[in-house]
Amino acid sequence: MSRCRRFMWFILLLCVNTVSCQAVVEGFIGDSVLLPCVYTEKDPQPEKVNVYWRDRDDNILLDIISGTHNMKTQNEKFRGRVISPPDLNRKGNFSVALQNVLEDDTGLYECHIPEAGVEQRVQLTVTGKRVGVSGSDPGPAPSEPPAGNAAVTLTPPLLTQLSVLSLCSLGWTQVHT
């Protein structure tokens, strides 16, 4: 391989060090939804990275600085509605549960881990209130979501199961869409 060609490959690899992944999450008004962001690399270590969650208007959902949640910078519209367990953060799971979602929460959310070149995008769609079913007939079975989409709606007991989330594995040289 010529020296010029090797140099071009080197430059290309330098330019492709950002990992990008997009998930689609759907929820109902008043529910809790999980916005996934999982970092699986060991260097830099998960407890040493900075994680920045932003909404479509660049409002701060949550900042995690070297393993510490900075709630002082959080936008007021998210105060008291964001959960991201620190014990899971130490394992690289920086997913956040957004509680009591509003229709206005619909939009694109981004999780940035600059030290690792990771950018996770989550498209959240919030629709009308969940309709309860009365009686013993459960009705027709729910249809499966379209391929490539992940609908995640959490009820309070399920919020503790964030560690099983693995919607998108992130690595230095892999790009997932």
Protein backbone atom coordinates (compact mmCIF):
# COMPACT_ATOMS: atom_id res chain seq x y z
CA MET A 1 0.00 0.00 0.00
CA SER A 2 1.41 3.38 -0.94
CA ARG A 3 2.38 5.87 1.71
CA CYS A 4 -0.25 8.32 0.45
CA ARG A 5 -3.02 5.72 0.65
CA ARG A 6 -2.04 4.77 4.23
CA PHE A 7 -2.12 8.44 5.18
CA MET A 8 -5.61 8.82 3.68
CA TRP A 9 -6.85 5.80 5.70
CA PHE A 10 -5.33 7.30 8.83
CA ILE A 11 -7.13 10.62 8.24
CA LEU A 12 -10.39 8.79 7.54
CA LEU A 13 -10.12 6.83 10.79
CA LEU A 14 -9.46 10.04 12.71
CA CYS A 15 -12.61 11.58 11.26
CA VAL A 16 -14.76 8.56 12.13
CA ASN A 17 -14.16 8.46 15.85
CA THR A 18 -17.61 9.72 16.79
CA VAL A 19 -20.14 7.00 17.44
CA SER A 20 -23.72 7.86 16.66
CA CYS A 21 -26.86 5.92 17.42
CA GLN A 22 -30.53 6.86 17.31
CA ALA A 23 -33.36 5.22 19.20
CA VAL A 24 -37.08 5.88 18.93
CA VAL A 25 -39.10 6.01 22.15
CA GLU A 26 -42.86 6.38 22.42
CA GLY A 27 -44.88 7.22 25.52
CA PHE A 28 -48.20 8.50 26.74
CA ILE A 29 -48.87 11.74 28.64
CA GLY A 30 -48.21 11.16 32.34
CA ASP A 31 -46.06 8.03 31.81
CA SER A 32 -42.36 7.57 32.47
CA VAL A 33 -40.12 6.84 29.48
CA LEU A 34 -36.55 5.63 29.22
CA LEU A 35 -34.13 7.59 27.05
CA PRO A 36 -31.23 5.20 26.39
CA CYS A 37 -27.54 6.07 26.46
CA VAL A 38 -25.15 3.18 27.07
CA TYR A 39 -21.35 3.46 26.91
CA THR A 40 -19.52 0.12 26.79
CA GLU A 41 -15.88 1.15 26.39
CA LYS A 42 -13.42 0.79 29.27
CA ASP A 43 -11.12 3.65 28.28
CA PRO A 44 -11.91 6.25 29.36
CA GLN A 45 -13.62 4.62 32.32
CA PRO A 46 -17.37 5.35 32.65
CA GLU A 47 -16.96 7.02 36.05
CA LYS A 48 -14.44 9.48 34.59
CA VAL A 49 -16.40 10.70 31.57
CA ASN A 50 -18.68 13.70 31.33
CA VAL A 51 -22.18 13.12 29.98
CA TYR A 52 -24.41 15.89 28.66
CA TRP A 53 -28.13 15.29 28.01
CA ARG A 54 -29.89 17.99 25.94
CA ASP A 55 -33.35 18.38 24.42
CA ARG A 56 -34.24 19.71 20.96
CA ASP A 57 -33.91 23.32 22.16
CA ASP A 58 -30.52 22.64 23.83
CA ASN A 59 -32.12 22.78 27.30
CA ILE A 60 -30.18 20.82 29.92
CA LEU A 61 -31.89 17.57 30.89
CA LEU A 62 -28.96 16.31 32.98
CA ASP A 63 -25.20 16.81 33.20
CA ILE A 64 -23.08 14.05 34.75
CA ILE A 65 -19.59 15.36 35.48
CA SER A 66 -17.07 12.65 36.44
CA GLY A 67 -19.85 10.53 37.93
CA THR A 68 -21.60 13.36 39.79
CA HIS A 69 -25.07 14.58 38.77
CA ASN A 70 -25.13 18.36 38.40
CA MET A 71 -28.74 19.30 39.14
CA LYS A 72 -27.95 23.02 39.48
CA THR A 73 -27.70 23.47 35.72
CA GLN A 74 -30.82 21.43 34.91
CA ASN A 75 -33.56 23.30 33.04
CA GLU A 76 -36.55 23.98 35.29
CA LYS A 77 -38.96 22.12 32.99
CA PHE A 78 -37.11 18.87 33.81
CA ARG A 79 -36.61 19.43 37.57
CA GLY A 80 -37.95 16.53 39.63
CA ARG A 81 -38.70 14.47 36.50
CA VAL A 82 -35.28 12.97 35.59
CA ILE A 83 -33.80 9.79 37.11
CA SER A 84 -30.40 8.30 36.23
CA PRO A 85 -29.13 5.92 38.95
CA PRO A 86 -25.45 6.66 39.80
CA ASP A 87 -24.71 2.96 40.39
CA LEU A 88 -25.68 2.26 36.77
CA ASN A 89 -23.71 5.31 35.57
CA ARG A 90 -20.55 3.72 36.99
CA LYS A 91 -21.22 0.74 34.71
CA GLY A 92 -21.61 2.96 31.65
CA ASN A 93 -25.42 3.15 31.60
CA PHE A 94 -26.23 6.85 31.35
CA SER A 95 -29.85 6.31 30.34
CA VAL A 96 -32.36 8.64 31.93
CA ALA A 97 -35.96 8.01 32.91
CA LEU A 98 -38.12 11.04 32.21
CA GLN A 99 -41.19 10.95 34.46
CA ASN A 100 -44.64 12.42 33.98
CA VAL A 101 -44.01 13.15 30.30
CA LEU A 102 -45.90 15.94 28.60
CA GLU A 103 -46.85 16.28 24.97
CA ASP A 104 -44.39 19.20 24.87
CA ASP A 105 -41.57 16.72 25.72
CA THR A 106 -41.88 15.28 22.19
CA GLY A 107 -38.71 15.78 20.16
CA LEU A 108 -35.07 14.88 19.76
CA TYR A 109 -32.85 14.31 22.82
CA GLU A 110 -29.09 13.92 22.69
CA CYS A 111 -26.64 12.27 25.05
CA HIS A 112 -23.04 13.44 24.45
CA ILE A 113 -19.92 11.82 25.91
CA PRO A 114 -17.19 14.05 24.41
CA GLU A 115 -14.18 12.18 25.84
CA ALA A 116 -15.29 9.03 24.03
CA GLY A 117 -16.73 10.66 20.90
CA VAL A 118 -20.17 9.21 21.66
CA GLU A 119 -23.39 10.88 20.57
CA GLN A 120 -26.67 9.09 21.27
CA ARG A 121 -29.85 10.53 19.76
CA VAL A 122 -33.30 9.61 21.02
CA GLN A 123 -36.48 10.63 19.23
CA LEU A 124 -39.29 10.84 21.81
CA THR A 125 -42.92 10.91 20.77
CA VAL A 126 -45.51 11.60 23.46
CA THR A 127 -49.17 11.09 22.54
CA GLY A 128 -52.52 11.30 24.38
CA LYS A 129 -53.27 9.68 27.69
CA ARG A 130 -53.12 5.91 28.08
CA VAL A 131 -56.60 4.40 27.80
CA GLY A 132 -57.46 1.81 30.44
CA VAL A 133 -59.43 -1.31 29.52
CA SER A 134 -62.24 -2.44 31.81
CA GLY A 135 -63.77 -5.90 31.90
CA SER A 136 -62.16 -9.27 31.37
CA ASP A 137 -61.68 -9.12 27.60
CA PRO A 138 -58.15 -7.85 26.95
CA GLY A 139 -59.01 -7.09 23.32
CA PRO A 140 -56.76 -7.75 20.35
CA ALA A 141 -53.07 -8.45 20.92
CA PRO A 142 -50.89 -5.39 20.44
CA SER A 143 -49.09 -5.20 17.13
CA GLU A 144 -45.31 -5.24 17.04
CA PRO A 145 -43.52 -1.93 16.55
CA PRO A 146 -41.94 -1.39 13.15
CA ALA A 147 -38.48 -2.90 12.76
CA GLY A 148 -35.72 -0.60 13.94
CA ASN A 149 -37.85 1.19 16.52
CA ALA A 150 -37.83 0.61 20.25
CA ALA A 151 -40.90 1.62 22.23
CA VAL A 152 -40.07 1.84 25.92
CA THR A 153 -42.62 2.89 28.51
CA LEU A 154 -41.79 2.39 32.17
CA THR A 155 -44.01 2.04 35.19
CA PRO A 156 -42.41 2.82 38.58
CA PRO A 157 -41.48 -0.82 39.46
CA LEU A 158 -39.64 -1.15 36.15
CA LEU A 159 -37.46 1.91 36.72
CA THR A 160 -35.13 -0.26 38.81
CA GLN A 161 -34.47 -2.51 35.82
CA LEU A 162 -32.50 0.08 33.86
CA SER A 163 -29.43 -2.16 33.97
CA VAL A 164 -30.98 -4.62 31.51
CA LEU A 165 -31.27 -1.94 28.84
CA SER A 166 -29.07 -2.62 25.87
CA LEU A 167 -30.82 -0.92 22.95
CA CYS A 168 -27.65 0.33 21.39
CA SER A 169 -24.13 -0.95 21.98
CA LEU A 170 -21.58 1.76 21.44
CA GLY A 171 -17.96 1.26 20.45
CA TRP A 172 -15.18 3.47 19.11
CA THR A 173 -15.26 2.31 15.52
CA GLN A 174 -18.85 1.17 15.13
CA VAL A 175 -21.63 3.37 13.83
CA HIS A 176 -25.19 2.20 14.53
CA THR A 177 -28.33 3.78 13.11
